[in-house]
Amino acid sequence: MKNAFTVDVEDYFQVEGFAQVIDRGSWDAFRPRVSASTATLLEMLARHTVRATFFVLGWVARKHPEIVREIAAAGHEVASHGMSHRLIYTQTPAEFQSETRDAKALLEDLCQRPVLGYRAATYSITRRSLWALDILCEEGFRYDSSIFPMRHDRYGIPGAELKPHILTTPGGSRLVEFPISVLRYGGVTFPVAGGGYFRLFPYRFTRWALRRLNRQHREFVFYVHPWEVDPDQPRVRAASAASRFRHYLNLDRCARRLGHLLDDFEFDTMHAVLTRRNLLSPMAG
């Protein structure tokens, strides 16, 4: 079974966990590391002959257009991660629409292909920001992968549909949703789709959980950030202890675990997985 391998392309200083101590206006003052860490992931995927979906932050694409071109040239899917990594529920609909439109246009200009997929910063499509789904439809997106079916302090819609599906937006439009994968087992919801959870749980647990999803005939979506394969990144010591724990835990083990994951499971782009499910039409070209 082919699962979806996805990368949220952002630099280490742009994560929401550091937003309290790193102002967006100061991002230009940081030495970027996203090019090298994205290259590490591209090399790893090439060794395993895996195509992936890269949700690229518009800010990164504007500063480092070569990253988008390299992703596209390697045969991967380019999708949008918004422009500024702001939580959707902190924006007005007009602000969100403007940022979303600008990021999509930028990415399409760089990769010379339609950008059909979207993932919100910090999975911030929640019950109070479902209005954003209508804007995604208006801007020409065909699918979203922002809804996390669990409870978290920054994101999540507990009880949301677990499998890829077509949802009806608040305004009555239709949009394909590929929710972030969780495993419900023994009355408990386990987040098993990647990121900090991939670094927190022992790999044997992750492998067991993901195999269980496949045995249930559920394709899972896996996500990782370039900074998670960069254990030498500078430490943001002013961040809270909780944020530092989430961000830095087991960074030195992540690349090795990713190699095991790519050996143990089959992956493709998110669009390809959704096409096989007959939720999307094949991409032209």
Protein backbone atom coordinates (compact mmCIF):
# COMPACT_ATOMS: atom_id res chain seq x y z
CA MET A 1 0.00 0.00 0.00
CA LYS A 2 1.37 3.41 -0.98
CA ASN A 3 1.28 6.02 1.79
CA ALA A 4 1.87 9.75 1.49
CA PHE A 5 5.30 11.11 2.47
CA THR A 6 5.19 14.86 3.08
CA VAL A 7 7.66 17.56 4.07
CA ASP A 8 6.72 20.91 5.64
CA VAL A 9 9.48 23.17 4.30
CA GLU A 10 10.31 25.82 6.87
CA ASP A 11 13.44 26.86 8.75
CA TYR A 12 14.14 26.07 12.39
CA PHE A 13 13.49 29.64 13.59
CA GLN A 14 10.02 29.77 12.00
CA VAL A 15 8.26 27.17 14.13
CA GLU A 16 5.28 28.20 16.22
CA GLY A 17 7.00 27.00 19.39
CA PHE A 18 9.52 29.84 19.05
CA ALA A 19 7.03 32.53 17.97
CA GLN A 20 6.92 34.00 21.49
CA VAL A 21 10.64 34.79 21.42
CA ILE A 22 11.40 35.19 17.68
CA ASP A 23 9.45 37.92 15.93
CA ARG A 24 8.72 37.37 12.24
CA GLY A 25 10.27 40.75 11.54
CA SER A 26 13.63 39.37 12.69
CA TRP A 27 13.69 36.28 10.45
CA ASP A 28 16.07 37.95 7.99
CA ALA A 29 18.66 38.24 10.76
CA PHE A 30 18.97 34.46 11.13
CA ARG A 31 21.43 32.44 9.09
CA PRO A 32 19.23 30.10 7.01
CA ARG A 33 19.71 26.35 7.21
CA VAL A 34 16.67 25.20 5.25
CA SER A 35 18.49 24.72 1.92
CA ALA A 36 21.00 22.24 3.32
CA SER A 37 18.47 20.33 5.40
CA THR A 38 16.00 20.11 2.50
CA ALA A 39 18.85 18.79 0.34
CA THR A 40 19.44 16.09 2.96
CA LEU A 41 15.83 14.96 2.64
CA LEU A 42 15.96 15.08 -1.18
CA GLU A 43 19.06 12.88 -1.18
CA MET A 44 17.43 10.41 1.21
CA LEU A 45 14.27 10.19 -0.90
CA ALA A 46 16.34 9.73 -4.05
CA ARG A 47 18.24 6.81 -2.50
CA HIS A 48 14.93 5.13 -1.74
CA THR A 49 13.33 6.15 -5.09
CA VAL A 50 10.44 7.79 -3.26
CA ARG A 51 8.40 10.73 -4.53
CA ALA A 52 7.01 13.06 -1.86
CA THR A 53 4.87 16.15 -1.43
CA PHE A 54 6.70 19.25 -0.19
CA PHE A 55 4.47 21.85 1.47
CA VAL A 56 6.69 24.89 0.98
CA LEU A 57 6.37 28.03 3.08
CA GLY A 58 6.02 31.06 0.81
CA TRP A 59 8.59 33.01 2.83
CA VAL A 60 11.12 30.26 2.15
CA ALA A 61 10.23 30.14 -1.55
CA ARG A 62 10.71 33.89 -1.88
CA LYS A 63 14.11 33.84 -0.13
CA HIS A 64 15.33 30.56 -1.60
CA PRO A 65 13.61 29.96 -4.96
CA GLU A 66 16.21 27.34 -5.86
CA ILE A 67 14.69 25.04 -3.23
CA VAL A 68 11.36 24.94 -5.04
CA ARG A 69 13.02 24.38 -8.40
CA GLU A 70 15.13 21.54 -7.01
CA ILE A 71 12.07 19.86 -5.47
CA ALA A 72 10.16 20.06 -8.74
CA ALA A 73 13.15 18.97 -10.85
CA ALA A 74 13.51 15.84 -8.70
CA GLY A 75 9.94 14.82 -9.57
CA HIS A 76 8.28 15.67 -6.27
CA GLU A 77 4.98 17.48 -5.79
CA VAL A 78 5.09 21.14 -4.73
CA ALA A 79 2.24 22.21 -2.44
CA SER A 80 1.60 25.27 -0.27
CA HIS A 81 2.33 25.82 3.42
CA GLY A 82 1.04 29.38 3.33
CA MET A 83 3.21 32.50 3.32
CA SER A 84 4.17 33.57 6.84
CA HIS A 85 3.51 30.55 9.10
CA ARG A 86 0.84 32.45 11.01
CA LEU A 87 -1.86 30.43 12.73
CA ILE A 88 -5.02 30.70 10.66
CA TYR A 89 -7.26 31.42 13.62
CA THR A 90 -5.17 34.50 14.43
CA GLN A 91 -5.85 35.99 10.96
CA THR A 92 -8.88 37.65 9.44
CA PRO A 93 -10.37 35.94 6.37
CA ALA A 94 -9.07 38.79 4.21
CA GLU A 95 -5.53 38.40 5.56
CA PHE A 96 -5.61 34.66 5.10
CA GLN A 97 -6.92 34.91 1.55
CA SER A 98 -4.29 37.45 0.54
CA GLU A 99 -1.42 35.38 1.97
CA THR A 100 -2.79 32.16 0.51
CA ARG A 101 -3.17 33.66 -2.96
CA ASP A 102 0.31 35.20 -2.93
CA ALA A 103 2.02 32.00 -1.78
CA LYS A 104 0.23 29.87 -4.38
CA ALA A 105 1.12 32.24 -7.21
CA LEU A 106 4.75 32.34 -6.13
CA LEU A 107 5.08 28.57 -5.96
CA GLU A 108 3.36 28.05 -9.31
CA ASP A 109 5.68 30.57 -10.95
CA LEU A 110 8.72 28.75 -9.57
CA CYS A 111 7.70 25.16 -10.29
CA GLN A 112 5.70 25.89 -13.46
CA ARG A 113 2.94 23.53 -12.41
CA PRO A 114 -0.42 23.96 -10.69
CA VAL A 115 -0.22 23.90 -6.89
CA LEU A 116 -3.24 21.92 -5.76
CA GLY A 117 -2.48 21.00 -2.15
CA TYR A 118 -2.41 23.05 1.04
CA ARG A 119 -1.32 22.49 4.63
CA ALA A 120 -1.87 25.13 7.31
CA ALA A 121 0.89 26.33 9.61
CA THR A 122 0.79 24.18 12.77
CA TYR A 123 -2.31 22.38 11.42
CA SER A 124 -4.34 25.41 12.44
CA ILE A 125 -7.59 24.58 10.69
CA THR A 126 -9.68 23.95 13.78
CA ARG A 127 -13.37 24.36 14.53
CA ARG A 128 -12.88 28.13 14.83
CA SER A 129 -11.15 28.44 11.45
CA LEU A 130 -13.19 26.12 9.23
CA TRP A 131 -14.04 29.23 7.18
CA ALA A 132 -10.54 28.89 5.68
CA LEU A 133 -11.65 25.81 3.74
CA ASP A 134 -13.95 27.95 1.58
CA ILE A 135 -11.07 30.29 0.79
CA LEU A 136 -8.92 27.36 -0.25
CA CYS A 137 -11.63 26.34 -2.69
CA GLU A 138 -11.92 29.89 -4.02
CA GLU A 139 -8.17 30.01 -4.62
CA GLY A 140 -8.15 26.82 -6.65
CA PHE A 141 -6.85 24.23 -4.20
CA ARG A 142 -8.11 20.71 -4.72
CA TYR A 143 -7.08 19.17 -1.44
CA ASP A 144 -6.09 20.08 2.10
CA SER A 145 -4.05 18.26 4.74
CA SER A 146 -4.43 20.44 7.82
CA ILE A 147 -6.93 18.71 10.08
CA PHE A 148 -5.44 16.73 12.98
CA PRO A 149 -8.15 14.44 14.46
CA MET A 150 -7.01 14.83 18.07
CA ARG A 151 -6.85 17.34 20.91
CA HIS A 152 -3.76 19.56 21.25
CA ASP A 153 -3.05 22.95 22.77
CA ARG A 154 -2.46 24.54 19.34
CA TYR A 155 -4.42 22.44 16.85
CA GLY A 156 -6.78 19.55 16.35
CA ILE A 157 -10.42 18.62 15.78
CA PRO A 158 -11.18 15.67 18.07
CA GLY A 159 -13.57 13.22 16.44
CA ALA A 160 -12.81 14.36 12.88
CA GLU A 161 -12.89 11.82 10.06
CA LEU A 162 -9.72 9.70 10.00
CA LYS A 163 -9.53 8.62 6.36
CA PRO A 164 -9.02 10.73 3.23
CA HIS A 165 -12.45 11.98 2.18
CA ILE A 166 -14.41 14.72 0.45
CA LEU A 167 -15.71 17.23 2.96
CA THR A 168 -18.34 19.92 2.55
CA THR A 169 -17.07 23.34 3.57
CA PRO A 170 -19.15 25.77 5.65
CA GLY A 171 -20.03 27.60 2.43
CA GLY A 172 -21.19 24.43 0.67
CA SER A 173 -18.13 23.75 -1.51
CA ARG A 174 -16.40 20.39 -1.75
CA LEU A 175 -12.74 19.82 -0.91
CA VAL A 176 -10.67 16.67 -0.50
CA GLU A 177 -9.22 16.34 3.01
CA PHE A 178 -6.29 14.06 3.85
CA PRO A 179 -6.24 14.34 7.66
CA ILE A 180 -3.06 13.88 9.64
CA SER A 181 -2.93 10.21 10.61
CA VAL A 182 -3.72 9.05 14.13
CA LEU A 183 -4.33 5.60 15.57
CA ARG A 184 -7.29 5.04 17.86
CA TYR A 185 -6.55 2.04 20.03
CA GLY A 186 -8.04 0.98 23.35
CA GLY A 187 -9.98 4.23 23.63
CA VAL A 188 -6.82 6.33 23.22
CA THR A 189 -5.82 8.45 20.21
CA PHE A 190 -2.15 8.16 19.32
CA PRO A 191 -0.55 10.72 16.97
CA VAL A 192 1.68 8.56 14.77
CA ALA A 193 2.11 10.62 11.61
CA GLY A 194 5.55 12.10 12.13
CA GLY A 195 7.17 15.27 13.42
CA GLY A 196 7.87 15.43 17.14
CA TYR A 197 5.82 12.27 17.74
CA PHE A 198 8.14 10.34 15.41
CA ARG A 199 11.09 11.50 17.48
CA LEU A 200 9.31 10.92 20.81
CA PHE A 201 8.03 7.37 20.37
CA PRO A 202 10.40 4.42 19.90
CA TYR A 203 10.61 3.52 16.22
CA ARG A 204 9.24 0.04 16.92
CA PHE A 205 6.03 1.62 18.24
CA THR A 206 5.71 3.89 15.18
CA ARG A 207 6.25 0.94 12.83
CA TRP A 208 3.66 -1.16 14.67
CA ALA A 209 1.10 1.67 14.62
CA LEU A 210 1.59 2.50 10.94
CA ARG A 211 1.45 -1.15 9.93
CA ARG A 212 -1.79 -1.44 11.86
CA LEU A 213 -3.24 1.45 9.84
CA ASN A 214 -2.24 -0.25 6.60
CA ARG A 215 -3.77 -3.54 7.77
CA GLN A 216 -6.98 -1.56 8.31
CA HIS A 217 -6.71 -0.52 4.63
CA ARG A 218 -5.86 3.03 5.64
CA GLU A 219 -3.14 4.90 3.80
CA PHE A 220 -1.35 7.11 6.29
CA VAL A 221 0.26 10.51 5.79
CA PHE A 222 3.72 10.98 7.25
CA TYR A 223 5.22 14.43 7.78
CA VAL A 224 8.66 15.74 8.64
CA HIS A 225 10.38 19.15 8.65
CA PRO A 226 13.84 19.80 7.18
CA TRP A 227 15.10 21.09 10.55
CA GLU A 228 14.36 17.67 12.06
CA VAL A 229 17.34 16.19 10.16
CA ASP A 230 19.62 19.06 11.27
CA PRO A 231 20.85 18.20 14.77
CA ASP A 232 23.54 20.91 14.62
CA GLN A 233 21.08 23.81 14.33
CA PRO A 234 21.51 26.70 16.81
CA ARG A 235 19.60 26.40 20.08
CA VAL A 236 16.93 28.97 20.89
CA ARG A 237 17.52 29.09 24.62
CA ALA A 238 14.96 31.84 25.28
CA ALA A 239 12.09 29.54 24.30
CA SER A 240 10.04 27.80 26.98
CA ALA A 241 11.17 24.47 28.35
CA ALA A 242 8.18 22.75 26.73
CA SER A 243 8.97 24.26 23.32
CA ARG A 244 12.63 23.32 23.58
CA PHE A 245 11.68 19.76 24.53
CA ARG A 246 9.31 19.40 21.58
CA HIS A 247 11.76 20.89 19.12
CA TYR A 248 15.09 19.34 20.09
CA LEU A 249 14.08 15.88 21.30
CA ASN A 250 16.04 13.17 19.48
CA LEU A 251 17.06 15.32 16.51
CA ASP A 252 20.21 13.23 16.27
CA ARG A 253 18.12 10.07 15.71
CA CYS A 254 15.60 11.38 13.21
CA ALA A 255 17.52 10.80 9.95
CA ARG A 256 18.35 7.23 10.92
CA ARG A 257 14.72 6.53 11.82
CA LEU A 258 13.59 8.03 8.52
CA GLY A 259 15.84 5.58 6.71
CA HIS A 260 14.15 2.70 8.53
CA LEU A 261 10.71 4.15 7.72
CA LEU A 262 11.52 4.41 4.01
CA ASP A 263 12.74 0.81 4.06
CA ASP A 264 9.67 -0.50 5.89
CA PHE A 265 6.84 1.26 4.01
CA GLU A 266 5.89 2.31 0.49
CA PHE A 267 5.36 6.00 -0.22
CA ASP A 268 4.26 8.36 -2.96
CA THR A 269 3.06 11.94 -3.29
CA MET A 270 -0.14 12.95 -1.57
CA HIS A 271 -1.78 13.73 -4.90
CA ALA A 272 -0.90 10.26 -6.22
CA VAL A 273 -2.35 8.54 -3.15
CA LEU A 274 -5.56 10.54 -3.42
CA THR A 275 -5.77 9.78 -7.14
CA ARG A 276 -5.56 6.06 -6.44
CA ARG A 277 -8.44 6.53 -4.02
CA ASN A 278 -10.41 8.19 -6.84
CA LEU A 279 -10.67 11.37 -4.80
CA LEU A 280 -8.64 13.41 -7.31
CA SER A 281 -8.02 13.33 -11.04
CA PRO A 282 -4.52 12.49 -12.32
CA MET A 283 -2.23 15.49 -12.79
CA ALA A 284 -1.59 16.46 -16.39
CA GLY A 285 1.96 16.48 -17.73
